[in-house]
PDB file of N, CA and C in Angstrom:
ATOM      1  N   MET A   1     -10.105   1.289  14.084  1.00  0.00           N
ATOM      2  CA  MET A   1     -10.497   0.124  14.255  1.00  0.00           C
ATOM      3  C   MET A   1     -11.983  -0.413  13.080  1.00  0.00           C
ATOM      4  N   ILE A   2     -11.757  -1.350  12.127  1.00  0.00           N
ATOM      5  CA  ILE A   2     -12.909  -1.676  11.356  1.00  0.00           C
ATOM      6  C   ILE A   2     -13.750  -2.895  12.412  1.00  0.00           C
ATOM      7  N   GLU A   3     -15.112  -2.212  12.739  1.00  0.00           N
ATOM      8  CA  GLU A   3     -16.092  -2.814  13.563  1.00  0.00           C
ATOM      9  C   GLU A   3     -16.793  -3.741  12.662  1.00  0.00           C
ATOM     10  N   ASP A   4     -16.922  -3.796  11.648  1.00  0.00           N
ATOM     11  CA  ASP A   4     -17.606  -4.518  10.498  1.00  0.00           C
ATOM     12  C   ASP A   4     -16.965  -4.945   9.094  1.00  0.00           C
ATOM     13  N   ARG A   5     -16.060  -6.166   9.409  1.00  0.00           N
ATOM     14  CA  ARG A   5     -15.447  -6.571   8.616  1.00  0.00           C
ATOM     15  C   ARG A   5     -15.995  -7.035   7.186  1.00  0.00           C
ATOM     16  N   GLU A   6     -17.141  -7.399   7.181  1.00  0.00           N
ATOM     17  CA  GLU A   6     -17.739  -8.243   6.021  1.00  0.00           C
ATOM     18  C   GLU A   6     -18.101  -6.493   5.163  1.00  0.00           C
ATOM     19  N   LEU A   7     -18.704  -5.776   5.903  1.00  0.00           N
ATOM     20  CA  LEU A   7     -19.151  -4.880   5.102  1.00  0.00           C
ATOM     21  C   LEU A   7     -17.986  -4.003   4.160  1.00  0.00           C
ATOM     22  N   LEU A   8     -16.771  -4.274   5.065  1.00  0.00           N
ATOM     23  CA  LEU A   8     -15.463  -3.401   4.163  1.00  0.00           C
ATOM     24  C   LEU A   8     -15.664  -4.665   3.077  1.00  0.00           C
ATOM     25  N   GLU A   9     -15.286  -5.210   3.657  1.00  0.00           N
ATOM     26  CA  GLU A   9     -15.060  -6.638   2.187  1.00  0.00           C
ATOM     27  C   GLU A   9     -15.636  -6.180   1.058  1.00  0.00           C
ATOM     28  N   ARG A  10     -17.409  -6.384   1.206  1.00  0.00           N
ATOM     29  CA  ARG A  10     -18.030  -6.196   0.448  1.00  0.00           C
ATOM     30  C   ARG A  10     -17.969  -4.939  -0.435  1.00  0.00           C
ATOM     31  N   TRP A  11     -17.721  -3.905   0.363  1.00  0.00           N
ATOM     32  CA  TRP A  11     -17.487  -2.686  -0.415  1.00  0.00           C
ATOM     33  C   TRP A  11     -16.200  -2.711  -1.159  1.00  0.00           C
ATOM     34  N   GLU A  12     -15.033  -3.337  -0.834  1.00  0.00           N
ATOM     35  CA  GLU A  12     -13.850  -3.491  -1.555  1.00  0.00           C
ATOM     36  C   GLU A  12     -14.337  -4.158  -2.672  1.00  0.00           C
ATOM     37  N   ARG A  13     -14.951  -5.436  -2.607  1.00  0.00           N
ATOM     38  CA  ARG A  13     -14.970  -5.963  -3.883  1.00  0.00           C
ATOM     39  C   ARG A  13     -15.892  -5.149  -4.846  1.00  0.00           C
ATOM     40  N   GLU A  14     -16.730  -4.250  -4.443  1.00  0.00           N
ATOM     41  CA  GLU A  14     -17.607  -3.655  -5.254  1.00  0.00           C
ATOM     42  C   GLU A  14     -16.924  -2.692  -5.765  1.00  0.00           C
ATOM     43  N   LEU A  15     -15.900  -1.913  -5.241  1.00  0.00           N
ATOM     44  CA  LEU A  15     -15.188  -0.712  -5.666  1.00  0.00           C
ATOM     45  C   LEU A  15     -14.295  -1.593  -6.826  1.00  0.00           C
ATOM     46  N   LEU A  16     -13.541  -2.825  -6.673  1.00  0.00           N
ATOM     47  CA  LEU A  16     -12.730  -3.262  -7.751  1.00  0.00           C
ATOM     48  C   LEU A  16     -13.285  -4.140  -9.178  1.00  0.00           C
ATOM     49  N   THR A  17     -14.706  -4.048  -8.531  1.00  0.00           N
ATOM     50  CA  THR A  17     -15.668  -4.507 -10.015  1.00  0.00           C
ATOM     51  C   THR A  17     -16.515  -2.923 -10.586  1.00  0.00           C
ATOM     52  N   SER A  18     -16.354  -2.055  -9.795  1.00  0.00           N
ATOM     53  CA  SER A  18     -16.999  -1.320 -10.723  1.00  0.00           C
ATOM     54  C   SER A  18     -15.884  -0.074 -11.398  1.00  0.00           C
ATOM     55  N   ASP A  19     -15.144  -0.366 -11.133  1.00  0.00           N
ATOM     56  CA  ASP A  19     -13.815   0.693 -11.512  1.00  0.00           C
ATOM     57  C   ASP A  19     -13.257   0.480 -12.831  1.00  0.00           C
ATOM     58  N   ARG A  20     -13.544   1.217 -13.840  1.00  0.00           N
ATOM     59  CA  ARG A  20     -13.720   1.113 -15.386  1.00  0.00           C
ATOM     60  C   ARG A  20     -12.511   2.168 -15.680  1.00  0.00           C
ATOM     61  N   THR A  21     -11.847   2.396 -15.010  1.00  0.00           N
ATOM     62  CA  THR A  21     -10.568   3.322 -15.153  1.00  0.00           C
ATOM     63  C   THR A  21      -9.295   2.465 -15.859  1.00  0.00           C
ATOM     64  N   SER A  22      -8.969   2.773 -17.060  1.00  0.00           N
ATOM     65  CA  SER A  22      -7.853   1.947 -17.823  1.00  0.00           C
ATOM     66  C   SER A  22      -6.786   2.348 -17.330  1.00  0.00           C
ATOM     67  N   LEU A  23      -5.830   1.312 -17.396  1.00  0.00           N
ATOM     68  CA  LEU A  23      -4.326   1.396 -17.049  1.00  0.00           C
ATOM     69  C   LEU A  23      -3.621   2.451 -17.130  1.00  0.00           C
ATOM     70  N   GLU A  24      -4.118   2.629 -18.387  1.00  0.00           N
ATOM     71  CA  GLU A  24      -3.356   3.813 -19.090  1.00  0.00           C
ATOM     72  C   GLU A  24      -3.392   5.357 -18.262  1.00  0.00           C
ATOM     73  N   LYS A  25      -4.814   5.689 -18.084  1.00  0.00           N
ATOM     74  CA  LYS A  25      -5.347   6.643 -17.257  1.00  0.00           C
ATOM     75  C   LYS A  25      -4.780   6.495 -15.638  1.00  0.00           C
ATOM     76  N   LYS A  26      -4.823   5.339 -15.010  1.00  0.00           N
ATOM     77  CA  LYS A  26      -4.224   5.258 -13.960  1.00  0.00           C
ATOM     78  C   LYS A  26      -2.432   5.481 -13.875  1.00  0.00           C
ATOM     79  N   PHE A  27      -1.639   5.209 -14.935  1.00  0.00           N
ATOM     80  CA  PHE A  27      -0.007   5.481 -14.660  1.00  0.00           C
ATOM     81  C   PHE A  27      -0.701   7.110 -15.076  1.00  0.00           C
ATOM     82  N   HIS A  28      -0.740   7.913 -15.707  1.00  0.00           N
ATOM     83  CA  HIS A  28      -0.832   9.457 -16.011  1.00  0.00           C
ATOM     84  C   HIS A  28      -1.330   9.676 -14.576  1.00  0.00           C
ATOM     85  N   ILE A  29      -2.159   9.485 -13.890  1.00  0.00           N
ATOM     86  CA  ILE A  29      -2.842   9.897 -12.631  1.00  0.00           C
ATOM     87  C   ILE A  29      -1.414   9.691 -12.014  1.00  0.00           C
ATOM     88  N   LEU A  30      -1.001   8.618 -11.869  1.00  0.00           N
ATOM     89  CA  LEU A  30       0.187   8.338 -10.747  1.00  0.00           C
ATOM     90  C   LEU A  30       1.392   9.508 -10.918  1.00  0.00           C
ATOM     91  N   ASP A  31       1.611   9.578 -12.475  1.00  0.00           N
ATOM     92  CA  ASP A  31       2.664  10.703 -13.004  1.00  0.00           C
ATOM     93  C   ASP A  31       2.485  11.984 -12.636  1.00  0.00           C
ATOM     94  N   ALA A  32       1.107  12.083 -12.746  1.00  0.00           N
ATOM     95  CA  ALA A  32       0.812  13.608 -11.982  1.00  0.00           C
ATOM     96  C   ALA A  32       0.826  13.926 -10.924  1.00  0.00           C
ATOM     97  N   MET A  33       0.726  13.167  -9.456  1.00  0.00           N
ATOM     98  CA  MET A  33       0.940  13.027  -8.078  1.00  0.00           C
ATOM     99  C   MET A  33       2.279  13.135  -8.005  1.00  0.00           C
ATOM    100  N   TRP A  34       3.142  12.450  -9.018  1.00  0.00           N
ATOM    101  CA  TRP A  34       4.537  12.352  -8.608  1.00  0.00           C
ATOM    102  C   TRP A  34       5.294  13.514  -9.063  1.00  0.00           C
ATOM    103  N   GLU A  35       4.752  13.975 -10.223  1.00  0.00           N
ATOM    104  CA  GLU A  35       5.029  15.725 -10.403  1.00  0.00           C
ATOM    105  C   GLU A  35       4.657  16.560  -9.589  1.00  0.00           C
ATOM    106  N   GLU A  36       3.296  16.692  -8.836  1.00  0.00           N
ATOM    107  CA  GLU A  36       3.186  17.527  -7.833  1.00  0.00           C
ATOM    108  C   GLU A  36       3.525  17.386  -6.665  1.00  0.00           C
ATOM    109  N   ALA A  37       4.644  16.175  -6.194  1.00  0.00           N
ATOM    110  CA  ALA A  37       5.237  15.941  -5.070  1.00  0.00           C
ATOM    111  C   ALA A  37       6.341  16.416  -5.076  1.00  0.00           C
ATOM    112  N   ILE A  38       7.127  16.111  -6.119  1.00  0.00           N
ATOM    113  CA  ILE A  38       8.396  16.740  -6.606  1.00  0.00           C
ATOM    114  C   ILE A  38       8.178  18.288  -6.374  1.00  0.00           C
ATOM    115  N   LEU A  39       7.093  18.868  -6.905  1.00  0.00           N
ATOM    116  CA  LEU A  39       7.120  20.343  -7.111  1.00  0.00           C
ATOM    117  C   LEU A  39       6.555  20.546  -5.380  1.00  0.00           C
ATOM    118  N   LEU A  40       6.205  20.097  -4.745  1.00  0.00           N
ATOM    119  CA  LEU A  40       5.919  20.284  -3.295  1.00  0.00           C
ATOM    120  C   LEU A  40       7.382  20.171  -2.000  1.00  0.00           C
ATOM    121  N   ARG A  41       8.040  19.253  -2.883  1.00  0.00           N
ATOM    122  CA  ARG A  41       9.359  19.073  -2.439  1.00  0.00           C
ATOM    123  C   ARG A  41       9.168  18.419  -1.246  1.00  0.00           C
ATOM    124  N   ALA A  42       8.340  17.454  -1.546  1.00  0.00           N
ATOM    125  CA  ALA A  42       8.097  16.113  -0.617  1.00  0.00           C
ATOM    126  C   ALA A  42       8.526  15.050  -0.884  1.00  0.00           C
ATOM    127  N   LEU A  43       9.007  15.210  -2.666  1.00  0.00           N
ATOM    128  CA  LEU A  43      10.020  13.673  -2.953  1.00  0.00           C
ATOM    129  C   LEU A  43      10.969  14.846  -3.474  1.00  0.00           C
ATOM    130  N   PRO A  44      11.588  13.923  -3.774  1.00  0.00           N
ATOM    131  CA  PRO A  44      12.390  12.673  -3.062  1.00  0.00           C
ATOM    132  C   PRO A  44      12.937  13.510  -2.122  1.00  0.00           C
ATOM    133  N   PRO A  45      13.239  12.452  -0.693  1.00  0.00           N
ATOM    134  CA  PRO A  45      13.144  12.708   0.583  1.00  0.00           C
ATOM    135  C   PRO A  45      14.649  13.164   1.112  1.00  0.00           C
ATOM    136  N   SER A  46      14.711  13.945   1.703  1.00  0.00           N
ATOM    137  CA  SER A  46      16.028  14.577   1.703  1.00  0.00           C
ATOM    138  C   SER A  46      16.990  13.471   2.772  1.00  0.00           C
ATOM    139  N   GLN A  47      16.622  12.659   3.133  1.00  0.00           N
ATOM    140  CA  GLN A  47      17.276  12.198   3.627  1.00  0.00           C
ATOM    141  C   GLN A  47      16.582  10.213   3.308  1.00  0.00           C
ATOM    142  N   PRO A  48      16.978   9.675   2.240  1.00  0.00           N
ATOM    143  CA  PRO A  48      16.251   8.436   2.203  1.00  0.00           C
ATOM    144  C   PRO A  48      16.025   7.620   3.203  1.00  0.00           C
ATOM    145  N   LEU A  49      17.288   7.228   3.616  1.00  0.00           N
ATOM    146  CA  LEU A  49      17.271   5.510   4.470  1.00  0.00           C
ATOM    147  C   LEU A  49      16.782   6.385   6.583  1.00  0.00           C
ATOM    148  N   GLU A  50      16.351   7.431   6.420  1.00  0.00           N
ATOM    149  CA  GLU A  50      15.686   7.889   7.800  1.00  0.00           C
ATOM    150  C   GLU A  50      14.580   7.445   7.800  1.00  0.00           C
ATOM    151  N   GLY A  51      14.583   6.692   9.423  1.00  0.00           N
ATOM    152  CA  GLY A  51      13.827   5.739   9.610  1.00  0.00           C
ATOM    153  C   GLY A  51      13.759   4.107   9.431  1.00  0.00           C
ATOM    154  N   ILE A  52      14.485   4.147   8.557  1.00  0.00           N
ATOM    155  CA  ILE A  52      14.543   2.464   8.215  1.00  0.00           C
ATOM    156  C   ILE A  52      14.869   1.471   8.875  1.00  0.00           C
ATOM    157  N   ASP A  53      15.643   1.684  10.255  1.00  0.00           N
ATOM    158  CA  ASP A  53      15.630   1.038  11.094  1.00  0.00           C
ATOM    159  C   ASP A  53      14.268   0.720  11.650  1.00  0.00           C
ATOM    160  N   VAL A  54      13.216   1.248  11.901  1.00  0.00           N
ATOM    161  CA  VAL A  54      11.785   1.331  12.568  1.00  0.00           C
ATOM    162  C   VAL A  54      11.258   0.231  11.320  1.00  0.00           C
ATOM    163  N   ASP A  55      11.417   0.687  10.283  1.00  0.00           N
ATOM    164  CA  ASP A  55      10.568  -0.360   8.998  1.00  0.00           C
ATOM    165  C   ASP A  55      11.245  -1.382   8.986  1.00  0.00           C
ATOM    166  N   LEU A  56      12.518  -1.695   9.125  1.00  0.00           N
ATOM    167  CA  LEU A  56      13.214  -3.372   9.496  1.00  0.00           C
ATOM    168  C   LEU A  56      12.523  -3.981  10.698  1.00  0.00           C
ATOM    169  N   ARG A  57      12.529  -2.874  11.791  1.00  0.00           N
ATOM    170  CA  ARG A  57      11.641  -3.919  12.761  1.00  0.00           C
ATOM    171  C   ARG A  57      10.620  -4.874  13.023  1.00  0.00           C
ATOM    172  N   ILE A  58       9.848  -3.387  11.895  1.00  0.00           N
ATOM    173  CA  ILE A  58       8.261  -4.020  12.110  1.00  0.00           C
ATOM    174  C   ILE A  58       7.974  -4.933  10.858  1.00  0.00           C
ATOM    175  N   ALA A  59       9.319  -5.064  10.004  1.00  0.00           N
ATOM    176  CA  ALA A  59       9.263  -5.800   9.311  1.00  0.00           C
ATOM    177  C   ALA A  59       9.436  -7.536   9.581  1.00  0.00           C
ATOM    178  N   ARG A  60      10.735  -7.471  10.545  1.00  0.00           N
ATOM    179  CA  ARG A  60      11.074  -8.573  10.995  1.00  0.00           C
ATOM    180  C   ARG A  60       9.582  -9.157  12.132  1.00  0.00           C
ATOM    181  N   VAL A  61       9.193  -8.525  12.771  1.00  0.00           N
ATOM    182  CA  VAL A  61       7.964  -8.493  13.661  1.00  0.00           C
ATOM    183  C   VAL A  61       7.059  -9.364  12.785  1.00  0.00           C
ATOM    184  N   ILE A  62       6.764  -8.973  11.410  1.00  0.00           N
ATOM    185  CA  ILE A  62       5.780  -8.992  11.282  1.00  0.00           C
ATOM    186  C   ILE A  62       5.749 -10.500  10.546  1.00  0.00           C
ATOM    187  N   ASN A  63       6.900 -10.656  10.044  1.00  0.00           N
ATOM    188  CA  ASN A  63       7.216 -11.811   9.230  1.00  0.00           C
ATOM    189  C   ASN A  63       7.825 -12.745  10.174  1.00  0.00           C
ATOM    190  N   SER A  64       7.464 -12.875  11.573  1.00  0.00           N
ATOM    191  CA  SER A  64       7.616 -13.735  12.202  1.00  0.00           C
ATOM    192  C   SER A  64       6.539 -13.927  12.552  1.00  0.00           C
ATOM    193  N   VAL A  65       5.662 -13.480  12.427  1.00  0.00           N
ATOM    194  CA  VAL A  65       4.184 -13.792  12.861  1.00  0.00           C
ATOM    195  C   VAL A  65       4.043 -15.607  12.729  1.00  0.00           C
ATOM    196  N   GLN A  66       3.271 -16.249  12.758  1.00  0.00           N
ATOM    197  CA  GLN A  66       3.347 -17.831  12.335  1.00  0.00           C
ATOM    198  C   GLN A  66       2.111 -17.361  11.256  1.00  0.00           C
ATOM    199  N   GLY A  67       1.318 -17.909  10.542  1.00  0.00           N
ATOM    200  CA  GLY A  67       0.556 -17.954   9.802  1.00  0.00           C
ATOM    201  C   GLY A  67       0.680 -16.486   8.827  1.00  0.00           C
ATOM    202  N   ALA A  68       1.644 -16.062   8.522  1.00  0.00           N
ATOM    203  CA  ALA A  68       1.416 -14.549   8.395  1.00  0.00           C
ATOM    204  C   ALA A  68       1.422 -14.691   6.667  1.00  0.00           C
ATOM    205  N   PRO A  69       0.777 -14.016   5.876  1.00  0.00           N
ATOM    206  CA  PRO A  69       0.859 -14.341   4.205  1.00  0.00           C
ATOM    207  C   PRO A  69       2.542 -14.431   3.752  1.00  0.00           C
ATOM    208  N   GLY A  70       2.058 -15.352   3.164  1.00  0.00           N
ATOM    209  CA  GLY A  70       3.357 -16.256   2.025  1.00  0.00           C
ATOM    210  C   GLY A  70       4.086 -16.974   2.835  1.00  0.00           C
ATOM    211  N   GLN A  71       3.760 -16.991   4.299  1.00  0.00           N
ATOM    212  CA  GLN A  71       4.418 -17.822   5.343  1.00  0.00           C
ATOM    213  C   GLN A  71       3.809 -19.245   5.125  1.00  0.00           C
ATOM    214  N   ASN A  72       4.736 -19.889   5.402  1.00  0.00           N
ATOM    215  CA  ASN A  72       4.353 -21.753   5.987  1.00  0.00           C
ATOM    216  C   ASN A  72       2.878 -22.395   5.090  1.00  0.00           C
ATOM    217  N   GLY A  73       2.859 -21.217   3.350  1.00  0.00           N
ATOM    218  CA  GLY A  73       1.722 -21.798   2.765  1.00  0.00           C
ATOM    219  C   GLY A  73       0.410 -21.173   3.239  1.00  0.00           C
ATOM    220  N   ALA A  74       0.775 -20.066   4.083  1.00  0.00           N
ATOM    221  CA  ALA A  74      -0.704 -19.279   4.200  1.00  0.00           C
ATOM    222  C   ALA A  74      -0.584 -18.717   2.780  1.00  0.00           C
ATOM    223  N   PRO A  75      -1.642 -18.127   2.546  1.00  0.00           N
ATOM    224  CA  PRO A  75      -2.136 -17.683   1.321  1.00  0.00           C
ATOM    225  C   PRO A  75      -1.495 -16.181   1.277  1.00  0.00           C
ATOM    226  N   ALA A  76      -0.728 -15.208   0.074  1.00  0.00           N
ATOM    227  CA  ALA A  76       0.084 -14.490   0.236  1.00  0.00           C
ATOM    228  C   ALA A  76      -0.995 -13.135   0.132  1.00  0.00           C
TER     229      ALA A  76
END
């Protein structure tokens, strides 16, 4: 649980403004991580739809909350 939300938000803003990594480099890192996951046999999942019922239930609950991001004019 986050105890000091203001500290976290300040840290996130600083991280976003200090990151000078190019988009091309970020995609290269993503591709390398994807390849490693395949080599470790973590991807693709053997049963891609396993657990989707839980994901759908969680999504319904989140989307039903009044004032959720993107709902009823609340900022996304």
